[in-house]
Amino acid sequence: MKIILREDVEKVGEAGTLQTVKSGFARNYLIPKGLAIAATEGELKLYEHNQGVKAKKIERQEKQLQSLADKIAKVHLTFEARAGDGGRLFGSVTSAEIAERLSAEVGEEIDRRKVTLGEPIRSTGDFQVAVHLVGKLQPRLRVTVNGVLDEAEATTEDASDDSGAAAESAGQ
C-alpha cells in the first residue's frame, strides 16, 4: 500500500516522503496514529506539488549559500591536541570544535550538526571534512591535527632519559 508520511518513522522514512508498506501496517498502525495518510489520487497530486515547491526552495537556498560554500572550501583549520605514541590523540577533535573554529574563520554561524564527521577525529594528520549546508551543497574543508606533549610529560620523559643515561654511565 502506498502512503505519504506525515512524521518521521524509524525504518520506514522521513516526513513528506512517499513510501510503500504492507497494507496491514498502514491501516492498523500508521494511519490511526496519524503518522501517515493513504496515497489517494488527490493526495498524490498534493504530494507532487509540495515536492516541486520544496525543490525550488532548496535551489534558491543553494544559490544564496554558494558564497559561504566558496569561503568554507578555502578554509584550512589546524588543531593542537595531546597525543601519545603513534599519533593517537588522548581526546578527540569533534564536529562542535570544528564548527566553532569554522564560524570564527568565515564570520557566519555554522551549526555543529552541519559538520559531517563519521566519528570524531582521534589521530593526528590531515582530514577532509564536509559541511552539509543545504541540498547538494556540501563544501569540504581541510583539517590538520598536530600532536603535542604536555610540559609535565615532556619533563618526566627528559628526566627518565637523563636517569637512564646516568645509570648506563655508572654501570660502565
N, C-alpha and C. Protein backbone atom coordinates (compact mmCIF):
# COMPACT_ATOMS: atom_id res chain seq x y z
N MET A 1 0.85 -1.17 0.00
CA MET A 1 0.00 0.00 0.00
C MET A 1 0.90 1.24 0.00
N LYS A 2 0.54 2.22 -0.80
CA LYS A 2 1.31 3.45 -0.86
C LYS A 2 0.74 4.44 0.14
N ILE A 3 1.68 5.06 0.90
CA ILE A 3 1.30 6.05 1.90
C ILE A 3 2.21 7.27 1.78
N ILE A 4 1.77 8.38 2.36
CA ILE A 4 2.60 9.57 2.46
C ILE A 4 2.79 9.82 3.95
N LEU A 5 4.04 9.85 4.38
CA LEU A 5 4.34 10.00 5.80
C LEU A 5 4.14 11.45 6.25
N ARG A 6 3.50 11.62 7.38
CA ARG A 6 3.33 12.95 7.98
C ARG A 6 4.44 13.26 8.96
N GLU A 7 5.02 12.22 9.55
CA GLU A 7 6.10 12.36 10.52
C GLU A 7 7.19 11.34 10.18
N ASP A 8 8.39 11.58 10.70
CA ASP A 8 9.47 10.62 10.52
C ASP A 8 9.11 9.33 11.25
N VAL A 9 9.27 8.20 10.57
CA VAL A 9 9.02 6.89 11.17
C VAL A 9 10.28 6.07 10.97
N GLU A 10 10.84 5.60 12.09
CA GLU A 10 12.08 4.83 12.02
C GLU A 10 11.89 3.58 11.17
N LYS A 11 12.86 3.31 10.33
CA LYS A 11 12.90 2.16 9.43
C LYS A 11 11.85 2.20 8.33
N VAL A 12 11.12 3.34 8.21
CA VAL A 12 10.15 3.48 7.13
C VAL A 12 10.54 4.65 6.24
N GLY A 13 10.73 5.85 6.83
CA GLY A 13 11.12 7.00 6.04
C GLY A 13 10.93 8.31 6.78
N GLU A 14 11.23 9.39 6.08
CA GLU A 14 11.11 10.72 6.65
C GLU A 14 9.75 11.33 6.33
N ALA A 15 9.38 12.34 7.09
CA ALA A 15 8.12 13.04 6.87
C ALA A 15 8.09 13.62 5.47
N GLY A 16 6.92 13.52 4.82
CA GLY A 16 6.74 14.09 3.50
C GLY A 16 7.18 13.20 2.36
N THR A 17 7.57 11.96 2.66
CA THR A 17 8.00 11.06 1.59
C THR A 17 6.91 10.05 1.26
N LEU A 18 6.93 9.59 0.03
CA LEU A 18 6.00 8.58 -0.45
C LEU A 18 6.65 7.22 -0.23
N GLN A 19 5.97 6.32 0.46
CA GLN A 19 6.52 5.02 0.79
C GLN A 19 5.53 3.92 0.45
N THR A 20 6.04 2.73 0.25
CA THR A 20 5.19 1.56 0.05
C THR A 20 5.42 0.64 1.25
N VAL A 21 4.32 0.33 1.97
CA VAL A 21 4.40 -0.54 3.14
C VAL A 21 3.31 -1.60 3.03
N LYS A 22 3.38 -2.58 3.90
CA LYS A 22 2.34 -3.60 3.92
C LYS A 22 1.03 -2.95 4.35
N SER A 23 -0.06 -3.38 3.75
CA SER A 23 -1.35 -2.72 3.99
C SER A 23 -1.80 -2.83 5.45
N GLY A 24 -1.55 -3.94 6.10
CA GLY A 24 -1.93 -4.09 7.50
C GLY A 24 -1.20 -3.11 8.39
N PHE A 25 0.09 -2.92 8.15
CA PHE A 25 0.90 -1.97 8.91
C PHE A 25 0.36 -0.56 8.74
N ALA A 26 -0.02 -0.22 7.50
CA ALA A 26 -0.54 1.11 7.23
C ALA A 26 -1.91 1.31 7.89
N ARG A 27 -2.83 0.36 7.68
CA ARG A 27 -4.21 0.51 8.20
C ARG A 27 -4.29 0.39 9.72
N ASN A 28 -3.48 -0.46 10.31
CA ASN A 28 -3.61 -0.73 11.74
C ASN A 28 -2.70 0.12 12.62
N TYR A 29 -1.63 0.68 12.05
CA TYR A 29 -0.69 1.42 12.87
C TYR A 29 -0.45 2.85 12.37
N LEU A 30 0.06 2.97 11.16
CA LEU A 30 0.49 4.30 10.69
C LEU A 30 -0.67 5.29 10.54
N ILE A 31 -1.74 4.89 9.88
CA ILE A 31 -2.84 5.82 9.63
C ILE A 31 -3.61 6.15 10.92
N PRO A 32 -3.97 5.17 11.77
CA PRO A 32 -4.69 5.54 13.01
C PRO A 32 -3.88 6.42 13.95
N LYS A 33 -2.57 6.26 13.97
CA LYS A 33 -1.72 7.08 14.85
C LYS A 33 -1.44 8.45 14.25
N GLY A 34 -1.87 8.68 13.01
CA GLY A 34 -1.65 9.97 12.37
C GLY A 34 -0.24 10.14 11.82
N LEU A 35 0.49 9.05 11.70
CA LEU A 35 1.85 9.12 11.19
C LEU A 35 1.89 9.16 9.67
N ALA A 36 0.80 8.73 9.02
CA ALA A 36 0.76 8.67 7.56
C ALA A 36 -0.67 8.83 7.08
N ILE A 37 -0.79 9.10 5.78
CA ILE A 37 -2.10 9.13 5.13
C ILE A 37 -2.03 8.24 3.89
N ALA A 38 -3.17 7.70 3.50
CA ALA A 38 -3.20 6.86 2.32
C ALA A 38 -2.92 7.72 1.09
N ALA A 39 -2.19 7.17 0.14
CA ALA A 39 -1.80 7.91 -1.06
C ALA A 39 -2.89 7.80 -2.11
N THR A 40 -3.96 8.58 -1.92
CA THR A 40 -5.04 8.63 -2.90
C THR A 40 -4.62 9.53 -4.06
N GLU A 41 -5.45 9.59 -5.09
CA GLU A 41 -5.10 10.39 -6.26
C GLU A 41 -4.93 11.87 -5.90
N GLY A 42 -5.83 12.39 -5.09
CA GLY A 42 -5.74 13.79 -4.67
C GLY A 42 -4.51 14.06 -3.81
N GLU A 43 -4.22 13.14 -2.89
CA GLU A 43 -3.05 13.30 -2.02
C GLU A 43 -1.76 13.21 -2.83
N LEU A 44 -1.73 12.36 -3.86
CA LEU A 44 -0.54 12.25 -4.71
C LEU A 44 -0.29 13.55 -5.48
N LYS A 45 -1.38 14.20 -5.95
CA LYS A 45 -1.21 15.48 -6.65
C LYS A 45 -0.65 16.52 -5.68
N LEU A 46 -1.18 16.56 -4.48
CA LEU A 46 -0.69 17.49 -3.47
C LEU A 46 0.77 17.19 -3.12
N TYR A 47 1.11 15.92 -3.02
CA TYR A 47 2.48 15.49 -2.73
C TYR A 47 3.43 15.98 -3.82
N GLU A 48 3.06 15.77 -5.08
CA GLU A 48 3.91 16.20 -6.19
C GLU A 48 4.08 17.72 -6.20
N HIS A 49 3.01 18.44 -5.92
CA HIS A 49 3.09 19.91 -5.85
C HIS A 49 4.05 20.33 -4.73
N ASN A 50 3.91 19.70 -3.56
CA ASN A 50 4.78 20.03 -2.42
C ASN A 50 6.25 19.71 -2.73
N GLN A 51 6.49 18.61 -3.44
CA GLN A 51 7.86 18.25 -3.81
C GLN A 51 8.46 19.30 -4.75
N GLY A 52 7.66 19.81 -5.69
CA GLY A 52 8.12 20.86 -6.60
C GLY A 52 8.46 22.14 -5.85
N VAL A 53 7.62 22.52 -4.90
CA VAL A 53 7.85 23.72 -4.09
C VAL A 53 9.12 23.54 -3.26
N LYS A 54 9.28 22.36 -2.67
CA LYS A 54 10.46 22.07 -1.85
C LYS A 54 11.73 22.13 -2.68
N ALA A 55 11.70 21.60 -3.91
CA ALA A 55 12.87 21.62 -4.78
C ALA A 55 13.25 23.05 -5.15
N LYS A 56 12.28 23.89 -5.43
CA LYS A 56 12.55 25.29 -5.75
C LYS A 56 13.14 26.02 -4.55
N LYS A 57 12.63 25.73 -3.37
CA LYS A 57 13.13 26.36 -2.16
C LYS A 57 14.60 25.97 -1.92
N ILE A 58 14.92 24.69 -2.08
CA ILE A 58 16.29 24.22 -1.89
C ILE A 58 17.21 24.85 -2.93
N GLU A 59 16.76 24.95 -4.17
CA GLU A 59 17.57 25.56 -5.22
C GLU A 59 17.86 27.03 -4.89
N ARG A 60 16.87 27.75 -4.41
CA ARG A 60 17.04 29.16 -4.04
C ARG A 60 18.03 29.29 -2.87
N GLN A 61 17.91 28.39 -1.88
CA GLN A 61 18.83 28.42 -0.74
C GLN A 61 20.26 28.09 -1.17
N GLU A 62 20.40 27.15 -2.12
CA GLU A 62 21.73 26.80 -2.61
C GLU A 62 22.40 28.00 -3.27
N LYS A 63 21.64 28.77 -4.04
CA LYS A 63 22.20 29.97 -4.68
C LYS A 63 22.62 30.99 -3.63
N GLN A 64 21.82 31.15 -2.58
CA GLN A 64 22.14 32.11 -1.53
C GLN A 64 23.38 31.71 -0.75
N LEU A 65 23.56 30.42 -0.53
CA LEU A 65 24.66 29.93 0.30
C LEU A 65 25.91 29.57 -0.50
N GLN A 66 25.90 29.80 -1.81
CA GLN A 66 27.05 29.44 -2.63
C GLN A 66 28.30 30.21 -2.22
N SER A 67 28.15 31.50 -1.88
CA SER A 67 29.32 32.30 -1.47
C SER A 67 29.91 31.77 -0.16
N LEU A 68 29.04 31.36 0.77
CA LEU A 68 29.51 30.76 2.02
C LEU A 68 30.24 29.45 1.73
N ALA A 69 29.71 28.67 0.80
CA ALA A 69 30.35 27.40 0.44
C ALA A 69 31.74 27.64 -0.14
N ASP A 70 31.88 28.70 -0.94
CA ASP A 70 33.20 29.01 -1.51
C ASP A 70 34.18 29.40 -0.41
N LYS A 71 33.71 30.16 0.58
CA LYS A 71 34.56 30.54 1.71
C LYS A 71 35.01 29.30 2.49
N ILE A 72 34.07 28.42 2.74
CA ILE A 72 34.36 27.20 3.53
C ILE A 72 35.37 26.32 2.80
N ALA A 73 35.24 26.21 1.48
CA ALA A 73 36.14 25.35 0.70
C ALA A 73 37.58 25.84 0.76
N LYS A 74 37.80 27.12 1.02
CA LYS A 74 39.15 27.68 1.07
C LYS A 74 39.77 27.59 2.46
N VAL A 75 39.00 27.19 3.46
CA VAL A 75 39.46 27.20 4.84
C VAL A 75 40.34 25.99 5.13
N HIS A 76 41.39 26.23 5.91
CA HIS A 76 42.25 25.17 6.41
C HIS A 76 42.40 25.39 7.91
N LEU A 77 41.86 24.50 8.72
CA LEU A 77 41.92 24.62 10.18
C LEU A 77 43.02 23.72 10.72
N THR A 78 43.73 24.22 11.74
CA THR A 78 44.77 23.44 12.39
C THR A 78 44.45 23.35 13.88
N PHE A 79 44.45 22.14 14.39
CA PHE A 79 44.18 21.90 15.81
C PHE A 79 45.42 21.33 16.46
N GLU A 80 45.67 21.74 17.69
CA GLU A 80 46.74 21.18 18.51
C GLU A 80 46.07 20.33 19.59
N ALA A 81 46.47 19.08 19.71
CA ALA A 81 45.85 18.20 20.70
C ALA A 81 46.92 17.30 21.31
N ARG A 82 46.70 16.90 22.55
CA ARG A 82 47.63 15.98 23.22
C ARG A 82 47.58 14.64 22.51
N ALA A 83 48.77 14.11 22.23
CA ALA A 83 48.84 12.84 21.52
C ALA A 83 49.90 11.96 22.15
N GLY A 84 49.69 10.68 22.03
CA GLY A 84 50.66 9.71 22.52
C GLY A 84 51.50 9.18 21.38
N ASP A 85 52.14 8.07 21.63
CA ASP A 85 52.96 7.43 20.60
C ASP A 85 52.08 7.00 19.43
N GLY A 86 52.61 7.10 18.25
CA GLY A 86 51.86 6.66 17.07
C GLY A 86 50.83 7.66 16.59
N GLY A 87 50.79 8.85 17.17
CA GLY A 87 49.86 9.88 16.72
C GLY A 87 48.44 9.72 17.21
N ARG A 88 48.22 8.85 18.15
CA ARG A 88 46.86 8.65 18.70
C ARG A 88 46.59 9.75 19.73
N LEU A 89 45.44 10.43 19.57
CA LEU A 89 45.09 11.52 20.48
C LEU A 89 44.55 10.98 21.80
N PHE A 90 44.80 11.72 22.89
CA PHE A 90 44.23 11.34 24.18
C PHE A 90 42.74 11.67 24.22
N GLY A 91 42.35 12.70 23.51
CA GLY A 91 40.94 13.07 23.40
C GLY A 91 40.52 12.90 21.96
N SER A 92 39.75 13.86 21.45
CA SER A 92 39.37 13.84 20.05
C SER A 92 39.02 15.25 19.60
N VAL A 93 38.97 15.43 18.30
CA VAL A 93 38.51 16.68 17.72
C VAL A 93 37.10 16.40 17.21
N THR A 94 36.11 17.11 17.75
CA THR A 94 34.72 16.83 17.44
C THR A 94 34.15 17.82 16.43
N SER A 95 32.98 17.52 15.94
CA SER A 95 32.32 18.40 14.99
C SER A 95 31.98 19.74 15.64
N ALA A 96 31.72 19.76 16.93
CA ALA A 96 31.41 21.01 17.63
C ALA A 96 32.63 21.93 17.62
N GLU A 97 33.81 21.39 17.87
CA GLU A 97 35.04 22.19 17.85
C GLU A 97 35.33 22.72 16.45
N ILE A 98 35.12 21.88 15.45
CA ILE A 98 35.35 22.30 14.07
C ILE A 98 34.36 23.39 13.69
N ALA A 99 33.08 23.23 14.06
CA ALA A 99 32.06 24.23 13.73
C ALA A 99 32.36 25.56 14.41
N GLU A 100 32.83 25.52 15.65
CA GLU A 100 33.15 26.75 16.38
C GLU A 100 34.29 27.49 15.70
N ARG A 101 35.37 26.80 15.36
CA ARG A 101 36.50 27.42 14.70
C ARG A 101 36.13 27.92 13.31
N LEU A 102 35.33 27.12 12.59
CA LEU A 102 34.91 27.48 11.24
C LEU A 102 34.04 28.73 11.26
N SER A 103 33.14 28.83 12.23
CA SER A 103 32.29 30.02 12.37
C SER A 103 33.13 31.26 12.57
N ALA A 104 34.14 31.16 13.40
CA ALA A 104 35.03 32.30 13.63
C ALA A 104 35.81 32.65 12.36
N GLU A 105 36.19 31.65 11.60
CA GLU A 105 37.00 31.86 10.40
C GLU A 105 36.21 32.52 9.27
N VAL A 106 34.98 32.06 9.02
CA VAL A 106 34.20 32.59 7.89
C VAL A 106 33.29 33.75 8.28
N GLY A 107 33.10 33.97 9.58
CA GLY A 107 32.29 35.10 10.03
C GLY A 107 30.79 34.85 10.01
N GLU A 108 30.37 33.61 9.85
CA GLU A 108 28.95 33.25 9.89
C GLU A 108 28.79 32.03 10.78
N GLU A 109 27.63 31.94 11.42
CA GLU A 109 27.37 30.84 12.34
C GLU A 109 27.18 29.53 11.57
N ILE A 110 27.95 28.53 11.95
CA ILE A 110 27.85 27.19 11.37
C ILE A 110 27.41 26.25 12.49
N ASP A 111 26.30 25.57 12.31
CA ASP A 111 25.78 24.65 13.31
C ASP A 111 26.63 23.38 13.32
N ARG A 112 26.91 22.87 14.50
CA ARG A 112 27.76 21.66 14.64
C ARG A 112 27.13 20.46 13.95
N ARG A 113 25.81 20.43 13.83
CA ARG A 113 25.15 19.30 13.18
C ARG A 113 25.35 19.30 11.68
N LYS A 114 25.77 20.42 11.13
CA LYS A 114 26.03 20.50 9.69
C LYS A 114 27.42 19.99 9.33
N VAL A 115 28.31 19.92 10.30
CA VAL A 115 29.65 19.37 10.08
C VAL A 115 29.53 17.86 10.15
N THR A 116 29.81 17.21 9.03
CA THR A 116 29.60 15.76 8.98
C THR A 116 30.91 15.00 9.14
N LEU A 117 31.05 14.43 10.32
CA LEU A 117 32.17 13.54 10.62
C LEU A 117 31.56 12.17 10.87
N GLY A 118 32.13 11.16 10.30
CA GLY A 118 31.63 9.81 10.58
C GLY A 118 31.78 9.50 12.06
N GLU A 119 32.94 9.86 12.58
CA GLU A 119 33.23 9.71 14.00
C GLU A 119 34.26 10.77 14.35
N PRO A 120 34.39 11.13 15.61
CA PRO A 120 35.36 12.17 15.99
C PRO A 120 36.78 11.80 15.55
N ILE A 121 37.57 12.81 15.26
CA ILE A 121 38.95 12.59 14.83
C ILE A 121 39.79 12.24 16.04
N ARG A 122 40.43 11.07 16.02
CA ARG A 122 41.19 10.59 17.18
C ARG A 122 42.66 10.34 16.88
N SER A 123 43.14 10.87 15.76
CA SER A 123 44.56 10.70 15.44
C SER A 123 45.08 11.96 14.75
N THR A 124 46.38 12.08 14.69
CA THR A 124 46.98 13.24 14.04
C THR A 124 46.98 13.03 12.54
N GLY A 125 47.06 14.14 11.80
CA GLY A 125 47.11 14.04 10.34
C GLY A 125 46.20 15.04 9.68
N ASP A 126 46.04 14.90 8.35
CA ASP A 126 45.16 15.76 7.56
C ASP A 126 43.86 15.02 7.28
N PHE A 127 42.75 15.76 7.35
CA PHE A 127 41.44 15.18 7.14
C PHE A 127 40.60 16.10 6.27
N GLN A 128 39.74 15.53 5.44
CA GLN A 128 38.76 16.29 4.67
C GLN A 128 37.43 16.18 5.39
N VAL A 129 36.82 17.32 5.70
CA VAL A 129 35.57 17.34 6.45
C VAL A 129 34.51 18.05 5.61
N ALA A 130 33.36 17.43 5.43
CA ALA A 130 32.27 18.03 4.66
C ALA A 130 31.35 18.81 5.59
N VAL A 131 30.81 19.90 5.05
CA VAL A 131 29.84 20.71 5.77
C VAL A 131 28.57 20.71 4.93
N HIS A 132 27.51 20.09 5.44
CA HIS A 132 26.25 19.99 4.71
C HIS A 132 25.44 21.26 4.93
N LEU A 133 25.43 22.16 3.94
CA LEU A 133 24.70 23.41 4.08
C LEU A 133 23.23 23.23 3.75
N VAL A 134 22.93 22.88 2.50
CA VAL A 134 21.55 22.63 2.08
C VAL A 134 21.57 21.83 0.78
N GLY A 135 20.62 20.95 0.61
CA GLY A 135 20.53 20.18 -0.63
C GLY A 135 21.83 19.45 -0.94
N LYS A 136 22.34 19.67 -2.15
CA LYS A 136 23.58 19.01 -2.58
C LYS A 136 24.80 19.87 -2.32
N LEU A 137 24.63 21.00 -1.66
CA LEU A 137 25.73 21.93 -1.39
C LEU A 137 26.49 21.47 -0.15
N GLN A 138 27.63 20.79 -0.38
CA GLN A 138 28.43 20.24 0.70
C GLN A 138 29.91 20.55 0.48
N PRO A 139 30.33 21.78 0.80
CA PRO A 139 31.75 22.10 0.63
C PRO A 139 32.61 21.30 1.61
N ARG A 140 33.86 21.07 1.22
CA ARG A 140 34.81 20.35 2.07
C ARG A 140 35.91 21.30 2.52
N LEU A 141 36.35 21.15 3.75
CA LEU A 141 37.46 21.93 4.25
C LEU A 141 38.54 20.98 4.74
N ARG A 142 39.75 21.50 4.85
CA ARG A 142 40.87 20.68 5.28
C ARG A 142 41.13 20.93 6.76
N VAL A 143 41.24 19.87 7.52
CA VAL A 143 41.54 19.96 8.95
C VAL A 143 42.83 19.20 9.20
N THR A 144 43.76 19.89 9.87
CA THR A 144 45.03 19.26 10.24
C THR A 144 45.09 19.18 11.75
N VAL A 145 45.43 18.01 12.26
CA VAL A 145 45.56 17.81 13.70
C VAL A 145 47.02 17.50 13.99
N ASN A 146 47.62 18.34 14.82
CA ASN A 146 49.02 18.15 15.23
C ASN A 146 49.04 17.66 16.67
N GLY A 147 49.89 16.71 16.96
CA GLY A 147 50.02 16.19 18.31
C GLY A 147 51.07 16.96 19.09
N VAL A 148 50.76 17.25 20.35
CA VAL A 148 51.72 17.93 21.23
C VAL A 148 51.79 17.17 22.54
N LEU A 149 52.93 17.29 23.22
CA LEU A 149 53.10 16.69 24.54
C LEU A 149 52.87 17.77 25.59
N ASP A 150 52.32 17.40 26.74
CA ASP A 150 52.21 18.34 27.85
C ASP A 150 53.59 18.65 28.38
N GLU A 151 53.75 19.83 28.98
CA GLU A 151 55.06 20.19 29.54
C GLU A 151 55.44 19.22 30.66
N ALA A 152 54.47 18.81 31.47
CA ALA A 152 54.76 17.88 32.57
C ALA A 152 55.24 16.53 32.02
N GLU A 153 54.59 16.05 30.96
CA GLU A 153 55.00 14.79 30.35
C GLU A 153 56.37 14.92 29.72
N ALA A 154 56.62 16.04 29.07
CA ALA A 154 57.91 16.25 28.40
C ALA A 154 59.04 16.27 29.43
N THR A 155 58.81 16.91 30.59
CA THR A 155 59.87 16.98 31.61
C THR A 155 60.10 15.61 32.24
N THR A 156 59.05 14.81 32.44
CA THR A 156 59.24 13.48 33.01
C THR A 156 59.95 12.57 32.03
N GLU A 157 59.66 12.73 30.72
CA GLU A 157 60.36 11.93 29.72
C GLU A 157 61.82 12.32 29.67
N ASP A 158 62.12 13.63 29.74
CA ASP A 158 63.51 14.09 29.74
C ASP A 158 64.24 13.55 30.97
N ALA A 159 63.54 13.59 32.12
CA ALA A 159 64.16 13.11 33.35
C ALA A 159 64.44 11.61 33.27
N SER A 160 63.52 10.85 32.71
CA SER A 160 63.74 9.40 32.59
C SER A 160 64.86 9.11 31.60
N ASP A 161 64.95 9.92 30.53
CA ASP A 161 66.05 9.75 29.59
C ASP A 161 67.38 10.06 30.26
N ASP A 162 67.41 11.13 31.07
CA ASP A 162 68.64 11.52 31.76
C ASP A 162 69.03 10.46 32.79
N SER A 163 68.04 9.93 33.54
CA SER A 163 68.37 8.93 34.56
C SER A 163 68.85 7.64 33.92
N GLY A 164 68.28 7.31 32.75
CA GLY A 164 68.71 6.12 32.03
C GLY A 164 70.13 6.28 31.53
N ALA A 165 70.48 7.47 31.06
CA ALA A 165 71.84 7.76 30.59
C ALA A 165 72.81 7.74 31.76
N ALA A 166 72.38 8.28 32.92
CA ALA A 166 73.23 8.29 34.10
C ALA A 166 73.48 6.85 34.59
N ALA A 167 72.45 6.01 34.54
CA ALA A 167 72.60 4.63 35.00
C ALA A 167 73.54 3.87 34.07
N GLU A 168 73.46 4.15 32.74
CA GLU A 168 74.37 3.49 31.82
C GLU A 168 75.81 3.89 32.06
N SER A 169 76.05 5.20 32.29
CA SER A 169 77.42 5.65 32.50
C SER A 169 77.95 5.16 33.83
N ALA A 170 77.10 4.99 34.86
CA ALA A 170 77.52 4.48 36.15
C ALA A 170 77.86 3.00 36.05
N GLY A 171 77.16 2.28 35.19
CA GLY A 171 77.37 0.85 35.03
C GLY A 171 78.64 0.57 34.27
N GLN A 172 79.22 1.50 33.58
CA GLN A 172 80.43 1.24 32.79
C GLN A 172 81.67 1.44 33.53
